[in-house]
Amino acid sequence: MVTDPISDYLTRVRNAIGANHRVVEIPASNLKKEITKVMLEKGYIRGYKFIDEGPQGTIKIALKYDPASKRPAIEKLERISKPGLRKYVKADSLPRVLNGLGIAILSTPKGVMTNKEARNLNVGGEVLCYVY
């Protein structure tokens, strides 16, 4: 049993990148689907597919690499809010990741979005992770 599904999601992606895999399969949930959509919109992954088999379903994520240097698009995935210590931020104190080069993924009352989108909509929420 996994006590923190988001950390499990990030660790599976991190391990797949470390092993230079092209595709990684992850057990699905609605929050993981939304995080995957944000990562695709921002260009960190090549694509994804939701497979509704079994009780939970899976997400197949196609990882993105630079064709010339073979470096992954995702340099680092860092979990911020954990089950033992949740990190919430107000709209006026949203984090900046690598001076705006990376993104923070937030769970807000208006849905899962990046720190830049949350700043434009003037909403705060729980900081799930940093991606850069």
C-alpha atoms as a PDB file:
ATOM      1  CA  MET A   1       0.000   0.000   0.000  1.00  0.00           C
ATOM      2  CA  VAL A   2       1.306   3.428  -0.949  1.00  0.00           C
ATOM      3  CA  THR A   3       0.697   6.144   1.629  1.00  0.00           C
ATOM      4  CA  ASP A   4       1.581   9.047  -0.690  1.00  0.00           C
ATOM      5  CA  PRO A   5       0.409   8.449  -4.275  1.00  0.00           C
ATOM      6  CA  ILE A   6       1.862  11.732  -5.594  1.00  0.00           C
ATOM      7  CA  SER A   7       5.342  10.872  -4.296  1.00  0.00           C
ATOM      8  CA  ASP A   8       4.979   7.424  -5.868  1.00  0.00           C
ATOM      9  CA  TYR A   9       4.017   9.064  -9.195  1.00  0.00           C
ATOM     10  CA  LEU A  10       7.016  11.423  -9.107  1.00  0.00           C
ATOM     11  CA  THR A  11       9.394   8.622  -8.085  1.00  0.00           C
ATOM     12  CA  ARG A  12       8.242   6.369 -10.935  1.00  0.00           C
ATOM     13  CA  VAL A  13       8.808   9.168 -13.454  1.00  0.00           C
ATOM     14  CA  ARG A  14      12.193  10.044 -11.880  1.00  0.00           C
ATOM     15  CA  ASN A  15      13.308   6.382 -11.977  1.00  0.00           C
ATOM     16  CA  ALA A  16      12.183   5.953 -15.597  1.00  0.00           C
ATOM     17  CA  ILE A  17      14.161   9.040 -16.616  1.00  0.00           C
ATOM     18  CA  GLY A  18      17.219   7.765 -14.732  1.00  0.00           C
ATOM     19  CA  ALA A  19      16.999   4.473 -16.617  1.00  0.00           C
ATOM     20  CA  ASN A  20      16.407   6.267 -19.984  1.00  0.00           C
ATOM     21  CA  HIS A  21      13.021   4.618 -20.524  1.00  0.00           C
ATOM     22  CA  ARG A  22      10.754   6.025 -23.216  1.00  0.00           C
ATOM     23  CA  VAL A  23       7.459   5.100 -21.493  1.00  0.00           C
ATOM     24  CA  VAL A  24       6.435   4.732 -17.857  1.00  0.00           C
ATOM     25  CA  GLU A  25       3.196   3.203 -16.519  1.00  0.00           C
ATOM     26  CA  ILE A  26       1.644   4.613 -13.355  1.00  0.00           C
ATOM     27  CA  PRO A  27      -1.546   3.662 -11.475  1.00  0.00           C
ATOM     28  CA  ALA A  28      -4.147   6.307 -12.280  1.00  0.00           C
ATOM     29  CA  SER A  29      -6.090   8.748 -10.130  1.00  0.00           C
ATOM     30  CA  ASN A  30      -7.836  11.985 -10.994  1.00  0.00           C
ATOM     31  CA  LEU A  31      -5.111  14.115  -9.394  1.00  0.00           C
ATOM     32  CA  LYS A  32      -2.345  12.222 -11.225  1.00  0.00           C
ATOM     33  CA  LYS A  33      -4.222  12.713 -14.511  1.00  0.00           C
ATOM     34  CA  GLU A  34      -4.380  16.461 -13.910  1.00  0.00           C
ATOM     35  CA  ILE A  35      -0.671  16.644 -13.027  1.00  0.00           C
ATOM     36  CA  THR A  36       0.111  14.716 -16.223  1.00  0.00           C
ATOM     37  CA  LYS A  37      -1.974  17.155 -18.301  1.00  0.00           C
ATOM     38  CA  VAL A  38      -0.103  20.138 -16.815  1.00  0.00           C
ATOM     39  CA  MET A  39       3.263  18.504 -17.559  1.00  0.00           C
ATOM     40  CA  LEU A  40       2.202  17.905 -21.192  1.00  0.00           C
ATOM     41  CA  GLU A  41       0.957  21.497 -21.609  1.00  0.00           C
ATOM     42  CA  LYS A  42       4.291  22.837 -20.381  1.00  0.00           C
ATOM     43  CA  GLY A  43       6.353  20.530 -22.615  1.00  0.00           C
ATOM     44  CA  TYR A  44       7.952  18.275 -20.001  1.00  0.00           C
ATOM     45  CA  ILE A  45       6.537  15.046 -21.465  1.00  0.00           C
ATOM     46  CA  ARG A  46       5.868  13.909 -25.035  1.00  0.00           C
ATOM     47  CA  GLY A  47       2.385  12.513 -24.452  1.00  0.00           C
ATOM     48  CA  TYR A  48       0.162  10.336 -22.304  1.00  0.00           C
ATOM     49  CA  LYS A  49      -2.620   7.776 -22.571  1.00  0.00           C
ATOM     50  CA  PHE A  50      -5.206   6.788 -19.972  1.00  0.00           C
ATOM     51  CA  ILE A  51      -6.026   3.071 -19.916  1.00  0.00           C
ATOM     52  CA  ASP A  52      -9.201   2.154 -18.013  1.00  0.00           C
ATOM     53  CA  GLU A  53      -8.468  -1.488 -17.212  1.00  0.00           C
ATOM     54  CA  GLY A  54      -8.844  -3.070 -13.826  1.00  0.00           C
ATOM     55  CA  PRO A  55     -10.194  -1.342 -10.744  1.00  0.00           C
ATOM     56  CA  GLN A  56      -7.993   1.760 -11.005  1.00  0.00           C
ATOM     57  CA  GLY A  57      -6.638   2.075 -14.524  1.00  0.00           C
ATOM     58  CA  THR A  58      -3.168   3.232 -15.551  1.00  0.00           C
ATOM     59  CA  ILE A  59      -1.504   6.243 -17.106  1.00  0.00           C
ATOM     60  CA  LYS A  60       1.116   5.607 -19.805  1.00  0.00           C
ATOM     61  CA  ILE A  61       3.455   8.576 -20.055  1.00  0.00           C
ATOM     62  CA  ALA A  62       5.820   9.024 -23.015  1.00  0.00           C
ATOM     63  CA  LEU A  63       8.887  10.790 -21.654  1.00  0.00           C
ATOM     64  CA  LYS A  64      10.603  13.543 -23.617  1.00  0.00           C
ATOM     65  CA  TYR A  65      14.340  13.648 -24.390  1.00  0.00           C
ATOM     66  CA  ASP A  66      16.490  16.066 -26.396  1.00  0.00           C
ATOM     67  CA  PRO A  67      17.315  14.268 -29.689  1.00  0.00           C
ATOM     68  CA  ALA A  68      20.863  15.664 -29.935  1.00  0.00           C
ATOM     69  CA  SER A  69      22.172  15.358 -26.393  1.00  0.00           C
ATOM     70  CA  LYS A  70      19.784  12.601 -25.152  1.00  0.00           C
ATOM     71  CA  ARG A  71      19.119  14.673 -22.007  1.00  0.00           C
ATOM     72  CA  PRO A  72      15.644  14.443 -20.473  1.00  0.00           C
ATOM     73  CA  ALA A  73      13.286  17.415 -20.555  1.00  0.00           C
ATOM     74  CA  ILE A  74      12.737  16.940 -16.817  1.00  0.00           C
ATOM     75  CA  GLU A  75      15.912  17.697 -14.876  1.00  0.00           C
ATOM     76  CA  LYS A  76      14.330  17.411 -11.433  1.00  0.00           C
ATOM     77  CA  LEU A  77      10.997  16.495  -9.853  1.00  0.00           C
ATOM     78  CA  GLU A  78      10.666  17.568  -6.237  1.00  0.00           C
ATOM     79  CA  ARG A  79       7.728  16.833  -3.922  1.00  0.00           C
ATOM     80  CA  ILE A  80       6.917  19.860  -1.759  1.00  0.00           C
ATOM     81  CA  SER A  81       3.684  19.217   0.153  1.00  0.00           C
ATOM     82  CA  LYS A  82       3.811  15.879   1.975  1.00  0.00           C
ATOM     83  CA  PRO A  83       1.137  14.014   3.961  1.00  0.00           C
ATOM     84  CA  GLY A  84       2.918  14.850   7.236  1.00  0.00           C
ATOM     85  CA  LEU A  85       3.483  18.512   6.363  1.00  0.00           C
ATOM     86  CA  ARG A  86       1.197  20.183   3.857  1.00  0.00           C
ATOM     87  CA  LYS A  87       2.443  23.385   2.184  1.00  0.00           C
ATOM     88  CA  TYR A  88      -0.240  25.923   1.347  1.00  0.00           C
ATOM     89  CA  VAL A  89       0.434  29.334  -0.157  1.00  0.00           C
ATOM     90  CA  LYS A  90      -1.679  32.431  -0.651  1.00  0.00           C
ATOM     91  CA  ALA A  91      -2.035  34.077  -4.030  1.00  0.00           C
ATOM     92  CA  ASP A  92       0.405  36.846  -3.104  1.00  0.00           C
ATOM     93  CA  SER A  93       3.192  34.443  -2.042  1.00  0.00           C
ATOM     94  CA  LEU A  94       3.247  31.894  -4.873  1.00  0.00           C
ATOM     95  CA  PRO A  95       6.677  30.278  -5.350  1.00  0.00           C
ATOM     96  CA  ARG A  96       9.041  30.955  -8.245  1.00  0.00           C
ATOM     97  CA  VAL A  97      11.043  27.950  -9.416  1.00  0.00           C
ATOM     98  CA  LEU A  98      14.541  28.680 -10.800  1.00  0.00           C
ATOM     99  CA  ASN A  99      13.621  32.348 -11.343  1.00  0.00           C
ATOM    100  CA  GLY A 100      10.707  31.377 -13.575  1.00  0.00           C
ATOM    101  CA  LEU A 101      12.477  28.688 -15.629  1.00  0.00           C
ATOM    102  CA  GLY A 102      10.722  25.834 -13.820  1.00  0.00           C
ATOM    103  CA  ILE A 103       7.135  25.357 -12.690  1.00  0.00           C
ATOM    104  CA  ALA A 104       5.397  24.635  -9.416  1.00  0.00           C
ATOM    105  CA  ILE A 105       2.276  22.492  -9.759  1.00  0.00           C
ATOM    106  CA  LEU A 106      -0.500  23.570  -7.396  1.00  0.00           C
ATOM    107  CA  SER A 107      -3.843  22.136  -6.408  1.00  0.00           C
ATOM    108  CA  THR A 108      -6.173  25.131  -6.169  1.00  0.00           C
ATOM    109  CA  PRO A 109      -9.936  25.582  -5.755  1.00  0.00           C
ATOM    110  CA  LYS A 110     -10.011  26.218  -9.523  1.00  0.00           C
ATOM    111  CA  GLY A 111      -8.177  22.964 -10.369  1.00  0.00           C
ATOM    112  CA  VAL A 112      -4.604  21.769 -10.807  1.00  0.00           C
ATOM    113  CA  MET A 113      -2.414  24.410 -12.452  1.00  0.00           C
ATOM    114  CA  THR A 114       1.043  25.954 -12.537  1.00  0.00           C
ATOM    115  CA  ASN A 115       2.222  28.773 -10.300  1.00  0.00           C
ATOM    116  CA  LYS A 116       2.090  31.203 -13.241  1.00  0.00           C
ATOM    117  CA  GLU A 117      -1.545  30.359 -14.045  1.00  0.00           C
ATOM    118  CA  ALA A 118      -2.463  30.650 -10.350  1.00  0.00           C
ATOM    119  CA  ARG A 119      -0.786  34.067 -10.194  1.00  0.00           C
ATOM    120  CA  ASN A 120      -2.812  35.232 -13.220  1.00  0.00           C
ATOM    121  CA  LEU A 121      -6.066  33.948 -11.662  1.00  0.00           C
ATOM    122  CA  ASN A 122      -5.056  35.318  -8.229  1.00  0.00           C
ATOM    123  CA  VAL A 123      -5.628  32.033  -6.374  1.00  0.00           C
ATOM    124  CA  GLY A 124      -3.527  30.132  -3.860  1.00  0.00           C
ATOM    125  CA  GLY A 125      -3.493  26.476  -2.942  1.00  0.00           C
ATOM    126  CA  GLU A 126      -1.396  23.462  -2.022  1.00  0.00           C
ATOM    127  CA  VAL A 127       2.056  23.299  -3.659  1.00  0.00           C
ATOM    128  CA  LEU A 128       2.302  19.692  -4.896  1.00  0.00           C
ATOM    129  CA  CYS A 129       5.701  19.671  -6.602  1.00  0.00           C
ATOM    130  CA  TYR A 130       8.395  21.547  -8.514  1.00  0.00           C
ATOM    131  CA  VAL A 131       9.325  20.518 -12.057  1.00  0.00           C
ATOM    132  CA  TYR A 132      12.394  21.783 -13.908  1.00  0.00           C
END
